[in-house]
Amino acid sequence: MTTIVSTLLSGLLAYLGGRWSARIGRGRAFVLWTTVILAAMLLLKAATASVAVVVLVAVVSGAATGVYYAVDLGMVTQVLPDEREAGRFLGAFAMAKHLPSAVAAAPLVGLLRGVR
């Protein structure tokens, strides 16, 4: 249930947060504050054993993640050096964003395959 609520909030707040950020032109503040909120939620989740707090963390984290990704991508598209090659630069951005987790996950997957 928390996944559904978190995903819905993420999508809704990505839309609303992206529009609000574009309207007021303060993308850095949105990225900074959503990062602070996500860090606080991770610390809260690590420090609790309460199911209610874990649900609250999932909801707030979903909302903050939606705003972060929308504003982050919007800021990236504003600084692209060449409009005609935007796809290439956005592809490089996507690789830079996702490659570290893929590289970090590879050894873990290898270790887990051996544990049966």
PDB file of N, CA and C in Angstrom:
ATOM      1  N   MET A   1       0.811  -1.196   0.000  1.00  0.00           N
ATOM      2  CA  MET A   1       0.000   0.000   0.000  1.00  0.00           C
ATOM      3  C   MET A   1       0.859   1.268   0.000  1.00  0.00           C
ATOM      4  N   THR A   2       1.946   1.242   0.782  1.00  0.00           N
ATOM      5  CA  THR A   2       2.801   2.432   0.827  1.00  0.00           C
ATOM      6  C   THR A   2       3.439   2.699  -0.529  1.00  0.00           C
ATOM      7  N   THR A   3       3.718   1.642  -1.280  1.00  0.00           N
ATOM      8  CA  THR A   3       4.316   1.829  -2.605  1.00  0.00           C
ATOM      9  C   THR A   3       3.349   2.546  -3.535  1.00  0.00           C
ATOM     10  N   ILE A   4       2.094   2.181  -3.479  1.00  0.00           N
ATOM     11  CA  ILE A   4       1.088   2.819  -4.332  1.00  0.00           C
ATOM     12  C   ILE A   4       0.941   4.292  -3.966  1.00  0.00           C
ATOM     13  N   VAL A   5       0.798   4.577  -2.682  1.00  0.00           N
ATOM     14  CA  VAL A   5       0.635   5.957  -2.235  1.00  0.00           C
ATOM     15  C   VAL A   5       1.884   6.772  -2.555  1.00  0.00           C
ATOM     16  N   SER A   6       3.051   6.197  -2.289  1.00  0.00           N
ATOM     17  CA  SER A   6       4.307   6.883  -2.564  1.00  0.00           C
ATOM     18  C   SER A   6       4.465   7.193  -4.051  1.00  0.00           C
ATOM     19  N   THR A   7       4.113   6.240  -4.893  1.00  0.00           N
ATOM     20  CA  THR A   7       4.225   6.439  -6.339  1.00  0.00           C
ATOM     21  C   THR A   7       3.255   7.502  -6.828  1.00  0.00           C
ATOM     22  N   LEU A   8       2.027   7.450  -6.350  1.00  0.00           N
ATOM     23  CA  LEU A   8       1.046   8.461  -6.745  1.00  0.00           C
ATOM     24  C   LEU A   8       1.469   9.857  -6.299  1.00  0.00           C
ATOM     25  N   LEU A   9       1.943   9.972  -5.064  1.00  0.00           N
ATOM     26  CA  LEU A   9       2.412  11.269  -4.581  1.00  0.00           C
ATOM     27  C   LEU A   9       3.634  11.742  -5.352  1.00  0.00           C
ATOM     28  N   SER A  10       4.505  10.807  -5.686  1.00  0.00           N
ATOM     29  CA  SER A  10       5.700  11.163  -6.453  1.00  0.00           C
ATOM     30  C   SER A  10       5.317  11.763  -7.798  1.00  0.00           C
ATOM     31  N   GLY A  11       4.387  11.123  -8.484  1.00  0.00           N
ATOM     32  CA  GLY A  11       3.943  11.643  -9.782  1.00  0.00           C
ATOM     33  C   GLY A  11       3.240  12.977  -9.669  1.00  0.00           C
ATOM     34  N   LEU A  12       2.338  13.096  -8.704  1.00  0.00           N
ATOM     35  CA  LEU A  12       1.596  14.336  -8.516  1.00  0.00           C
ATOM     36  C   LEU A  12       2.530  15.491  -8.154  1.00  0.00           C
ATOM     37  N   LEU A  13       3.413  15.245  -7.198  1.00  0.00           N
ATOM     38  CA  LEU A  13       4.295  16.325  -6.770  1.00  0.00           C
ATOM     39  C   LEU A  13       5.419  16.594  -7.760  1.00  0.00           C
ATOM     40  N   ALA A  14       5.738  15.630  -8.618  1.00  0.00           N
ATOM     41  CA  ALA A  14       6.684  15.926  -9.701  1.00  0.00           C
ATOM     42  C   ALA A  14       6.068  16.977 -10.613  1.00  0.00           C
ATOM     43  N   TYR A  15       4.806  16.788 -10.924  1.00  0.00           N
ATOM     44  CA  TYR A  15       4.097  17.755 -11.777  1.00  0.00           C
ATOM     45  C   TYR A  15       3.983  19.118 -11.088  1.00  0.00           C
ATOM     46  N   LEU A  16       3.454  19.118  -9.874  1.00  0.00           N
ATOM     47  CA  LEU A  16       3.232  20.380  -9.169  1.00  0.00           C
ATOM     48  C   LEU A  16       4.539  21.079  -8.804  1.00  0.00           C
ATOM     49  N   GLY A  17       5.490  20.316  -8.302  1.00  0.00           N
ATOM     50  CA  GLY A  17       6.777  20.906  -7.921  1.00  0.00           C
ATOM     51  C   GLY A  17       7.546  21.436  -9.121  1.00  0.00           C
ATOM     52  N   GLY A  18       7.495  20.704 -10.233  1.00  0.00           N
ATOM     53  CA  GLY A  18       8.163  21.170 -11.443  1.00  0.00           C
ATOM     54  C   GLY A  18       7.562  22.461 -11.955  1.00  0.00           C
ATOM     55  N   ARG A  19       6.246  22.550 -11.949  1.00  0.00           N
ATOM     56  CA  ARG A  19       5.571  23.783 -12.402  1.00  0.00           C
ATOM     57  C   ARG A  19       5.874  24.955 -11.472  1.00  0.00           C
ATOM     58  N   TRP A  20       5.824  24.684 -10.170  1.00  0.00           N
ATOM     59  CA  TRP A  20       6.088  25.748  -9.201  1.00  0.00           C
ATOM     60  C   TRP A  20       7.523  26.241  -9.318  1.00  0.00           C
ATOM     61  N   SER A  21       8.463  25.319  -9.431  1.00  0.00           N
ATOM     62  CA  SER A  21       9.865  25.684  -9.577  1.00  0.00           C
ATOM     63  C   SER A  21      10.102  26.513 -10.842  1.00  0.00           C
ATOM     64  N   ALA A  22       9.467  26.097 -11.942  1.00  0.00           N
ATOM     65  CA  ALA A  22       9.627  26.842 -13.195  1.00  0.00           C
ATOM     66  C   ALA A  22       9.007  28.232 -13.085  1.00  0.00           C
ATOM     67  N   ARG A  23       7.903  28.323 -12.380  1.00  0.00           N
ATOM     68  CA  ARG A  23       7.224  29.617 -12.241  1.00  0.00           C
ATOM     69  C   ARG A  23       8.057  30.602 -11.441  1.00  0.00           C
ATOM     70  N   ILE A  24       8.644  30.143 -10.329  1.00  0.00           N
ATOM     71  CA  ILE A  24       9.384  31.082  -9.485  1.00  0.00           C
ATOM     72  C   ILE A  24      10.879  31.112  -9.815  1.00  0.00           C
ATOM     73  N   GLY A  25      11.339  30.151 -10.624  1.00  0.00           N
ATOM     74  CA  GLY A  25      12.736  30.164 -11.060  1.00  0.00           C
ATOM     75  C   GLY A  25      13.752  29.888  -9.965  1.00  0.00           C
ATOM     76  N   ARG A  26      13.401  29.052  -9.009  1.00  0.00           N
ATOM     77  CA  ARG A  26      14.315  28.752  -7.903  1.00  0.00           C
ATOM     78  C   ARG A  26      14.547  27.248  -7.795  1.00  0.00           C
ATOM     79  N   GLY A  27      15.045  26.660  -8.858  1.00  0.00           N
ATOM     80  CA  GLY A  27      15.249  25.219  -8.902  1.00  0.00           C
ATOM     81  C   GLY A  27      16.242  24.711  -7.879  1.00  0.00           C
ATOM     82  N   ARG A  28      17.308  25.470  -7.658  1.00  0.00           N
ATOM     83  CA  ARG A  28      18.324  25.029  -6.692  1.00  0.00           C
ATOM     84  C   ARG A  28      17.741  24.837  -5.301  1.00  0.00           C
ATOM     85  N   ALA A  29      16.879  25.745  -4.899  1.00  0.00           N
ATOM     86  CA  ALA A  29      16.270  25.636  -3.566  1.00  0.00           C
ATOM     87  C   ALA A  29      15.419  24.379  -3.465  1.00  0.00           C
ATOM     88  N   PHE A  30      14.684  24.052  -4.526  1.00  0.00           N
ATOM     89  CA  PHE A  30      13.863  22.847  -4.521  1.00  0.00           C
ATOM     90  C   PHE A  30      14.742  21.604  -4.403  1.00  0.00           C
ATOM     91  N   VAL A  31      15.815  21.561  -5.170  1.00  0.00           N
ATOM     92  CA  VAL A  31      16.718  20.405  -5.125  1.00  0.00           C
ATOM     93  C   VAL A  31      17.378  20.306  -3.753  1.00  0.00           C
ATOM     94  N   LEU A  32      17.815  21.426  -3.207  1.00  0.00           N
ATOM     95  CA  LEU A  32      18.451  21.422  -1.892  1.00  0.00           C
ATOM     96  C   LEU A  32      17.490  20.913  -0.819  1.00  0.00           C
ATOM     97  N   TRP A  33      16.284  21.471  -0.782  1.00  0.00           N
ATOM     98  CA  TRP A  33      15.354  21.103   0.283  1.00  0.00           C
ATOM     99  C   TRP A  33      14.828  19.682   0.141  1.00  0.00           C
ATOM    100  N   THR A  34      14.617  19.224  -1.076  1.00  0.00           N
ATOM    101  CA  THR A  34      14.171  17.837  -1.216  1.00  0.00           C
ATOM    102  C   THR A  34      15.289  16.876  -0.818  1.00  0.00           C
ATOM    103  N   THR A  35      16.532  17.253  -1.076  1.00  0.00           N
ATOM    104  CA  THR A  35      17.660  16.426  -0.649  1.00  0.00           C
ATOM    105  C   THR A  35      17.731  16.365   0.876  1.00  0.00           C
ATOM    106  N   VAL A  36      17.545  17.503   1.528  1.00  0.00           N
ATOM    107  CA  VAL A  36      17.540  17.540   2.999  1.00  0.00           C
ATOM    108  C   VAL A  36      16.398  16.689   3.554  1.00  0.00           C
ATOM    109  N   ILE A  37      15.224  16.814   2.944  1.00  0.00           N
ATOM    110  CA  ILE A  37      14.066  16.020   3.395  1.00  0.00           C
ATOM    111  C   ILE A  37      14.326  14.533   3.218  1.00  0.00           C
ATOM    112  N   LEU A  38      14.883  14.145   2.067  1.00  0.00           N
ATOM    113  CA  LEU A  38      15.173  12.721   1.835  1.00  0.00           C
ATOM    114  C   LEU A  38      16.209  12.192   2.822  1.00  0.00           C
ATOM    115  N   ALA A  39      17.230  12.978   3.120  1.00  0.00           N
ATOM    116  CA  ALA A  39      18.236  12.554   4.096  1.00  0.00           C
ATOM    117  C   ALA A  39      17.606  12.386   5.482  1.00  0.00           C
ATOM    118  N   ALA A  40      16.750  13.324   5.856  1.00  0.00           N
ATOM    119  CA  ALA A  40      16.077  13.231   7.155  1.00  0.00           C
ATOM    120  C   ALA A  40      15.180  11.994   7.215  1.00  0.00           C
ATOM    121  N   MET A  41      14.502  11.694   6.125  1.00  0.00           N
ATOM    122  CA  MET A  41      13.630  10.515   6.094  1.00  0.00           C
ATOM    123  C   MET A  41      14.439   9.224   6.196  1.00  0.00           C
ATOM    124  N   LEU A  42      15.600   9.187   5.553  1.00  0.00           N
ATOM    125  CA  LEU A  42      16.459   8.000   5.667  1.00  0.00           C
ATOM    126  C   LEU A  42      16.942   7.805   7.102  1.00  0.00           C
ATOM    127  N   LEU A  43      17.334   8.896   7.755  1.00  0.00           N
ATOM    128  CA  LEU A  43      17.771   8.800   9.152  1.00  0.00           C
ATOM    129  C   LEU A  43      16.619   8.376  10.053  1.00  0.00           C
ATOM    130  N   LEU A  44      15.445   8.931   9.816  1.00  0.00           N
ATOM    131  CA  LEU A  44      14.276   8.560  10.617  1.00  0.00           C
ATOM    132  C   LEU A  44      13.919   7.093  10.424  1.00  0.00           C
ATOM    133  N   LYS A  45      13.982   6.627   9.191  1.00  0.00           N
ATOM    134  CA  LYS A  45      13.669   5.220   8.920  1.00  0.00           C
ATOM    135  C   LYS A  45      14.686   4.284   9.584  1.00  0.00           C
ATOM    136  N   ALA A  46      15.947   4.696   9.582  1.00  0.00           N
ATOM    137  CA  ALA A  46      16.989   3.873  10.203  1.00  0.00           C
ATOM    138  C   ALA A  46      16.855   3.837  11.728  1.00  0.00           C
ATOM    139  N   ALA A  47      16.268   4.879  12.294  1.00  0.00           N
ATOM    140  CA  ALA A  47      16.211   4.988  13.750  1.00  0.00           C
ATOM    141  C   ALA A  47      14.910   4.483  14.359  1.00  0.00           C
ATOM    142  N   THR A  48      13.987   3.981  13.563  1.00  0.00           N
ATOM    143  CA  THR A  48      12.689   3.594  14.114  1.00  0.00           C
ATOM    144  C   THR A  48      12.371   2.131  13.844  1.00  0.00           C
ATOM    145  N   ALA A  49      11.501   1.611  14.671  1.00  0.00           N
ATOM    146  CA  ALA A  49      10.974   0.266  14.454  1.00  0.00           C
ATOM    147  C   ALA A  49       9.459   0.319  14.306  1.00  0.00           C
ATOM    148  N   SER A  50       8.914   1.521  14.264  1.00  0.00           N
ATOM    149  CA  SER A  50       7.474   1.706  14.188  1.00  0.00           C
ATOM    150  C   SER A  50       6.982   1.615  12.750  1.00  0.00           C
ATOM    151  N   VAL A  51       5.949   0.829  12.542  1.00  0.00           N
ATOM    152  CA  VAL A  51       5.368   0.685  11.209  1.00  0.00           C
ATOM    153  C   VAL A  51       4.761   2.010  10.751  1.00  0.00           C
ATOM    154  N   ALA A  52       4.127   2.735  11.668  1.00  0.00           N
ATOM    155  CA  ALA A  52       3.512   4.016  11.310  1.00  0.00           C
ATOM    156  C   ALA A  52       4.555   5.014  10.806  1.00  0.00           C
ATOM    157  N   VAL A  53       5.708   5.038  11.439  1.00  0.00           N
ATOM    158  CA  VAL A  53       6.776   5.951  11.004  1.00  0.00           C
ATOM    159  C   VAL A  53       7.324   5.521   9.649  1.00  0.00           C
ATOM    160  N   VAL A  54       7.452   4.225   9.426  1.00  0.00           N
ATOM    161  CA  VAL A  54       7.935   3.738   8.133  1.00  0.00           C
ATOM    162  C   VAL A  54       6.960   4.119   7.022  1.00  0.00           C
ATOM    163  N   VAL A  55       5.668   4.044   7.290  1.00  0.00           N
ATOM    164  CA  VAL A  55       4.659   4.458   6.308  1.00  0.00           C
ATOM    165  C   VAL A  55       4.771   5.958   6.050  1.00  0.00           C
ATOM    166  N   LEU A  56       4.902   6.747   7.110  1.00  0.00           N
ATOM    167  CA  LEU A  56       5.067   8.190   6.960  1.00  0.00           C
ATOM    168  C   LEU A  56       6.320   8.517   6.142  1.00  0.00           C
ATOM    169  N   VAL A  57       7.412   7.827   6.429  1.00  0.00           N
ATOM    170  CA  VAL A  57       8.658   8.036   5.693  1.00  0.00           C
ATOM    171  C   VAL A  57       8.463   7.710   4.210  1.00  0.00           C
ATOM    172  N   ALA A  58       7.756   6.636   3.911  1.00  0.00           N
ATOM    173  CA  ALA A  58       7.525   6.261   2.514  1.00  0.00           C
ATOM    174  C   ALA A  58       6.718   7.331   1.792  1.00  0.00           C
ATOM    175  N   VAL A  59       5.712   7.862   2.445  1.00  0.00           N
ATOM    176  CA  VAL A  59       4.871   8.882   1.822  1.00  0.00           C
ATOM    177  C   VAL A  59       5.661  10.167   1.590  1.00  0.00           C
ATOM    178  N   VAL A  60       6.354  10.638   2.607  1.00  0.00           N
ATOM    179  CA  VAL A  60       7.122  11.886   2.480  1.00  0.00           C
ATOM    180  C   VAL A  60       8.268  11.704   1.485  1.00  0.00           C
ATOM    181  N   SER A  61       8.931  10.562   1.523  1.00  0.00           N
ATOM    182  CA  SER A  61      10.036  10.307   0.583  1.00  0.00           C
ATOM    183  C   SER A  61       9.535  10.252  -0.855  1.00  0.00           C
ATOM    184  N   GLY A  62       8.376   9.656  -1.072  1.00  0.00           N
ATOM    185  CA  GLY A  62       7.813   9.616  -2.417  1.00  0.00           C
ATOM    186  C   GLY A  62       7.527  11.005  -2.944  1.00  0.00           C
ATOM    187  N   ALA A  63       6.957  11.841  -2.109  1.00  0.00           N
ATOM    188  CA  ALA A  63       6.658  13.217  -2.509  1.00  0.00           C
ATOM    189  C   ALA A  63       7.944  13.978  -2.812  1.00  0.00           C
ATOM    190  N   ALA A  64       8.924  13.870  -1.935  1.00  0.00           N
ATOM    191  CA  ALA A  64      10.185  14.593  -2.131  1.00  0.00           C
ATOM    192  C   ALA A  64      10.928  14.084  -3.356  1.00  0.00           C
ATOM    193  N   THR A  65      10.887  12.792  -3.592  1.00  0.00           N
ATOM    194  CA  THR A  65      11.563  12.227  -4.764  1.00  0.00           C
ATOM    195  C   THR A  65      10.944  12.743  -6.057  1.00  0.00           C
ATOM    196  N   GLY A  66       9.631  12.834  -6.096  1.00  0.00           N
ATOM    197  CA  GLY A  66       8.966  13.356  -7.287  1.00  0.00           C
ATOM    198  C   GLY A  66       9.389  14.778  -7.598  1.00  0.00           C
ATOM    199  N   VAL A  67       9.391  15.623  -6.582  1.00  0.00           N
ATOM    200  CA  VAL A  67       9.813  17.021  -6.782  1.00  0.00           C
ATOM    201  C   VAL A  67      11.273  17.063  -7.212  1.00  0.00           C
ATOM    202  N   TYR A  68      12.124  16.285  -6.539  1.00  0.00           N
ATOM    203  CA  TYR A  68      13.548  16.297  -6.859  1.00  0.00           C
ATOM    204  C   TYR A  68      13.792  15.936  -8.326  1.00  0.00           C
ATOM    205  N   TYR A  69      13.234  14.833  -8.775  1.00  0.00           N
ATOM    206  CA  TYR A  69      13.497  14.388 -10.146  1.00  0.00           C
ATOM    207  C   TYR A  69      12.961  15.357 -11.188  1.00  0.00           C
ATOM    208  N   ALA A  70      11.785  15.927 -10.951  1.00  0.00           N
ATOM    209  CA  ALA A  70      11.220  16.869 -11.909  1.00  0.00           C
ATOM    210  C   ALA A  70      12.081  18.124 -12.018  1.00  0.00           C
ATOM    211  N   VAL A  71      12.443  18.687 -10.893  1.00  0.00           N
ATOM    212  CA  VAL A  71      13.216  19.932 -10.900  1.00  0.00           C
ATOM    213  C   VAL A  71      14.632  19.664 -11.391  1.00  0.00           C
ATOM    214  N   ASP A  72      15.225  18.553 -10.984  1.00  0.00           N
ATOM    215  CA  ASP A  72      16.571  18.205 -11.418  1.00  0.00           C
ATOM    216  C   ASP A  72      16.638  18.079 -12.937  1.00  0.00           C
ATOM    217  N   LEU A  73      15.705  17.360 -13.522  1.00  0.00           N
ATOM    218  CA  LEU A  73      15.695  17.210 -14.975  1.00  0.00           C
ATOM    219  C   LEU A  73      15.423  18.539 -15.665  1.00  0.00           C
ATOM    220  N   GLY A  74      14.552  19.346 -15.103  1.00  0.00           N
ATOM    221  CA  GLY A  74      14.300  20.670 -15.660  1.00  0.00           C
ATOM    222  C   GLY A  74      15.543  21.540 -15.660  1.00  0.00           C
ATOM    223  N   MET A  75      16.308  21.482 -14.579  1.00  0.00           N
ATOM    224  CA  MET A  75      17.545  22.262 -14.506  1.00  0.00           C
ATOM    225  C   MET A  75      18.571  21.761 -15.517  1.00  0.00           C
ATOM    226  N   VAL A  76      18.637  20.458 -15.684  1.00  0.00           N
ATOM    227  CA  VAL A  76      19.577  19.889 -16.654  1.00  0.00           C
ATOM    228  C   VAL A  76      19.240  20.356 -18.072  1.00  0.00           C
ATOM    229  N   THR A  77      17.963  20.359 -18.413  1.00  0.00           N
ATOM    230  CA  THR A  77      17.586  20.759 -19.770  1.00  0.00           C
ATOM    231  C   THR A  77      17.855  22.239 -20.027  1.00  0.00           C
ATOM    232  N   GLN A  78      17.929  23.047 -18.976  1.00  0.00           N
ATOM    233  CA  GLN A  78      18.212  24.469 -19.151  1.00  0.00           C
ATOM    234  C   GLN A  78      19.670  24.744 -19.467  1.00  0.00           C
ATOM    235  N   VAL A  79      20.560  23.829 -19.121  1.00  0.00           N
ATOM    236  CA  VAL A  79      21.989  24.088 -19.312  1.00  0.00           C
ATOM    237  C   VAL A  79      22.606  23.235 -20.426  1.00  0.00           C
ATOM    238  N   LEU A  80      21.765  22.605 -21.246  1.00  0.00           N
ATOM    239  CA  LEU A  80      22.303  21.811 -22.353  1.00  0.00           C
ATOM    240  C   LEU A  80      23.059  22.729 -23.315  1.00  0.00           C
ATOM    241  N   PRO A  81      24.280  22.342 -23.705  1.00  0.00           N
ATOM    242  CA  PRO A  81      25.087  23.225 -24.541  1.00  0.00           C
ATOM    243  C   PRO A  81      24.613  23.341 -25.988  1.00  0.00           C
ATOM    244  N   ASP A  82      24.006  22.299 -26.541  1.00  0.00           N
ATOM    245  CA  ASP A  82      23.614  22.330 -27.945  1.00  0.00           C
ATOM    246  C   ASP A  82      22.227  21.711 -28.089  1.00  0.00           C
ATOM    247  N   GLU A  83      21.273  22.523 -28.505  1.00  0.00           N
ATOM    248  CA  GLU A  83      19.890  22.057 -28.613  1.00  0.00           C
ATOM    249  C   GLU A  83      19.737  20.929 -29.626  1.00  0.00           C
ATOM    250  N   ARG A  84      20.550  20.941 -30.681  1.00  0.00           N
ATOM    251  CA  ARG A  84      20.435  19.913 -31.725  1.00  0.00           C
ATOM    252  C   ARG A  84      20.927  18.550 -31.246  1.00  0.00           C
ATOM    253  N   GLU A  85      21.738  18.524 -30.222  1.00  0.00           N
ATOM    254  CA  GLU A  85      22.265  17.258 -29.699  1.00  0.00           C
ATOM    255  C   GLU A  85      21.772  16.997 -28.282  1.00  0.00           C
ATOM    256  N   ALA A  86      20.584  17.483 -27.975  1.00  0.00           N
ATOM    257  CA  ALA A  86      20.036  17.355 -26.620  1.00  0.00           C
ATOM    258  C   ALA A  86      19.910  15.899 -26.197  1.00  0.00           C
ATOM    259  N   GLY A  87      19.507  15.028 -27.127  1.00  0.00           N
ATOM    260  CA  GLY A  87      19.347  13.611 -26.789  1.00  0.00           C
ATOM    261  C   GLY A  87      20.639  12.969 -26.322  1.00  0.00           C
ATOM    262  N   ARG A  88      21.729  13.324 -26.972  1.00  0.00           N
ATOM    263  CA  ARG A  88      23.028  12.761 -26.584  1.00  0.00           C
ATOM    264  C   ARG A  88      23.405  13.208 -25.176  1.00  0.00           C
ATOM    265  N   PHE A  89      23.195  14.488 -24.891  1.00  0.00           N
ATOM    266  CA  PHE A  89      23.544  15.000 -23.570  1.00  0.00           C
ATOM    267  C   PHE A  89      22.613  14.454 -22.490  1.00  0.00           C
ATOM    268  N   LEU A  90      21.335  14.308 -22.800  1.00  0.00           N
ATOM    269  CA  LEU A  90      20.419  13.733 -21.819  1.00  0.00           C
ATOM    270  C   LEU A  90      20.726  12.249 -21.592  1.00  0.00           C
ATOM    271  N   GLY A  91      21.180  11.557 -22.620  1.00  0.00           N
ATOM    272  CA  GLY A  91      21.615  10.172 -22.458  1.00  0.00           C
ATOM    273  C   GLY A  91      22.816  10.069 -21.535  1.00  0.00           C
ATOM    274  N   ALA A  92      23.769  11.002 -21.700  1.00  0.00           N
ATOM    275  CA  ALA A  92      24.936  11.025 -20.814  1.00  0.00           C
ATOM    276  C   ALA A  92      24.509  11.328 -19.377  1.00  0.00           C
ATOM    277  N   PHE A  93      23.540  12.220 -19.220  1.00  0.00           N
ATOM    278  CA  PHE A  93      23.015  12.540 -17.893  1.00  0.00           C
ATOM    279  C   PHE A  93      22.381  11.305 -17.249  1.00  0.00           C
ATOM    280  N   ALA A  94      21.594  10.576 -18.020  1.00  0.00           N
ATOM    281  CA  ALA A  94      20.949   9.366 -17.502  1.00  0.00           C
ATOM    282  C   ALA A  94      21.985   8.321 -17.098  1.00  0.00           C
ATOM    283  N   MET A  95      23.021   8.172 -17.915  1.00  0.00           N
ATOM    284  CA  MET A  95      24.088   7.216 -17.569  1.00  0.00           C
ATOM    285  C   MET A  95      24.794   7.646 -16.283  1.00  0.00           C
ATOM    286  N   ALA A  96      25.089   8.926 -16.165  1.00  0.00           N
ATOM    287  CA  ALA A  96      25.773   9.424 -14.969  1.00  0.00           C
ATOM    288  C   ALA A  96      24.906   9.232 -13.725  1.00  0.00           C
ATOM    289  N   LYS A  97      23.608   9.305 -13.907  1.00  0.00           N
ATOM    290  CA  LYS A  97      22.701   9.160 -12.771  1.00  0.00           C
ATOM    291  C   LYS A  97      22.525   7.697 -12.356  1.00  0.00           C
ATOM    292  N   HIS A  98      22.492   6.774 -13.328  1.00  0.00           N
ATOM    293  CA  HIS A  98      22.143   5.386 -13.025  1.00  0.00           C
ATOM    294  C   HIS A  98      23.323   4.416 -13.018  1.00  0.00           C
ATOM    295  N   LEU A  99      24.393   4.743 -13.668  1.00  0.00           N
ATOM    296  CA  LEU A  99      25.531   3.826 -13.739  1.00  0.00           C
ATOM    297  C   LEU A  99      26.139   3.507 -12.370  1.00  0.00           C
ATOM    298  N   PRO A 100      26.315   4.495 -11.469  1.00  0.00           N
ATOM    299  CA  PRO A 100      26.899   4.152 -10.163  1.00  0.00           C
ATOM    300  C   PRO A 100      26.102   3.100  -9.394  1.00  0.00           C
ATOM    301  N   SER A 101      24.770   3.180  -9.423  1.00  0.00           N
ATOM    302  CA  SER A 101      24.007   2.165  -8.694  1.00  0.00           C
ATOM    303  C   SER A 101      24.094   0.813  -9.368  1.00  0.00           C
ATOM    304  N   ALA A 102      24.175   0.798 -10.683  1.00  0.00           N
ATOM    305  CA  ALA A 102      24.310  -0.481 -11.384  1.00  0.00           C
ATOM    306  C   ALA A 102      25.662  -1.120 -11.068  1.00  0.00           C
ATOM    307  N   VAL A 103      26.700  -0.311 -11.036  1.00  0.00           N
ATOM    308  CA  VAL A 103      28.039  -0.833 -10.722  1.00  0.00           C
ATOM    309  C   VAL A 103      28.090  -1.322  -9.272  1.00  0.00           C
ATOM    310  N   ALA A 104      27.464  -0.579  -8.371  1.00  0.00           N
ATOM    311  CA  ALA A 104      27.457  -0.981  -6.959  1.00  0.00           C
ATOM    312  C   ALA A 104      26.622  -2.235  -6.739  1.00  0.00           C
ATOM    313  N   ALA A 105      25.572  -2.414  -7.523  1.00  0.00           N
ATOM    314  CA  ALA A 105      24.690  -3.561  -7.341  1.00  0.00           C
ATOM    315  C   ALA A 105      25.280  -4.849  -7.905  1.00  0.00           C
ATOM    316  N   ALA A 106      26.143  -4.754  -8.897  1.00  0.00           N
ATOM    317  CA  ALA A 106      26.670  -5.950  -9.553  1.00  0.00           C
ATOM    318  C   ALA A 106      27.355  -6.913  -8.572  1.00  0.00           C
ATOM    319  N   PRO A 107      28.256  -6.439  -7.712  1.00  0.00           N
ATOM    320  CA  PRO A 107      28.870  -7.383  -6.756  1.00  0.00           C
ATOM    321  C   PRO A 107      27.846  -7.983  -5.792  1.00  0.00           C
ATOM    322  N   LEU A 108      26.855  -7.205  -5.405  1.00  0.00           N
ATOM    323  CA  LEU A 108      25.825  -7.721  -4.481  1.00  0.00           C
ATOM    324  C   LEU A 108      25.013  -8.823  -5.140  1.00  0.00           C
ATOM    325  N   VAL A 109      24.686  -8.645  -6.394  1.00  0.00           N
ATOM    326  CA  VAL A 109      23.930  -9.675  -7.116  1.00  0.00           C
ATOM    327  C   VAL A 109      24.774 -10.942  -7.212  1.00  0.00           C
ATOM    328  N   GLY A 110      26.062 -10.772  -7.472  1.00  0.00           N
ATOM    329  CA  GLY A 110      26.954 -11.928  -7.529  1.00  0.00           C
ATOM    330  C   GLY A 110      27.029 -12.669  -6.204  1.00  0.00           C
ATOM    331  N   LEU A 111      27.082 -11.903  -5.113  1.00  0.00           N
ATOM    332  CA  LEU A 111      27.119 -12.527  -3.796  1.00  0.00           C
ATOM    333  C   LEU A 111      25.805 -13.238  -3.478  1.00  0.00           C
ATOM    334  N   LEU A 112      24.704 -12.618  -3.815  1.00  0.00           N
ATOM    335  CA  LEU A 112      23.406 -13.224  -3.520  1.00  0.00           C
ATOM    336  C   LEU A 112      23.119 -14.456  -4.357  1.00  0.00           C
ATOM    337  N   ARG A 113      23.687 -14.516  -5.540  1.00  0.00           N
ATOM    338  CA  ARG A 113      23.486 -15.709  -6.376  1.00  0.00           C
ATOM    339  C   ARG A 113      24.141 -16.935  -5.741  1.00  0.00           C
ATOM    340  N   GLY A 114      25.233 -16.700  -5.024  1.00  0.00           N
ATOM    341  CA  GLY A 114      25.922 -17.810  -4.376  1.00  0.00           C
ATOM    342  C   GLY A 114      25.248 -18.288  -3.113  1.00  0.00           C
ATOM    343  N   VAL A 115      24.377 -17.447  -2.529  1.00  0.00           N
ATOM    344  CA  VAL A 115      23.685 -17.794  -1.292  1.00  0.00           C
ATOM    345  C   VAL A 115      22.336 -18.401  -1.642  1.00  0.00           C
ATOM    346  N   ARG A 116      22.198 -19.678  -1.434  1.00  0.00           N
ATOM    347  CA  ARG A 116      20.915 -20.354  -1.736  1.00  0.00           C
ATOM    348  C   ARG A 116      20.533 -21.259  -0.640  1.00  0.00           C
TER     349      ARG A 116
END
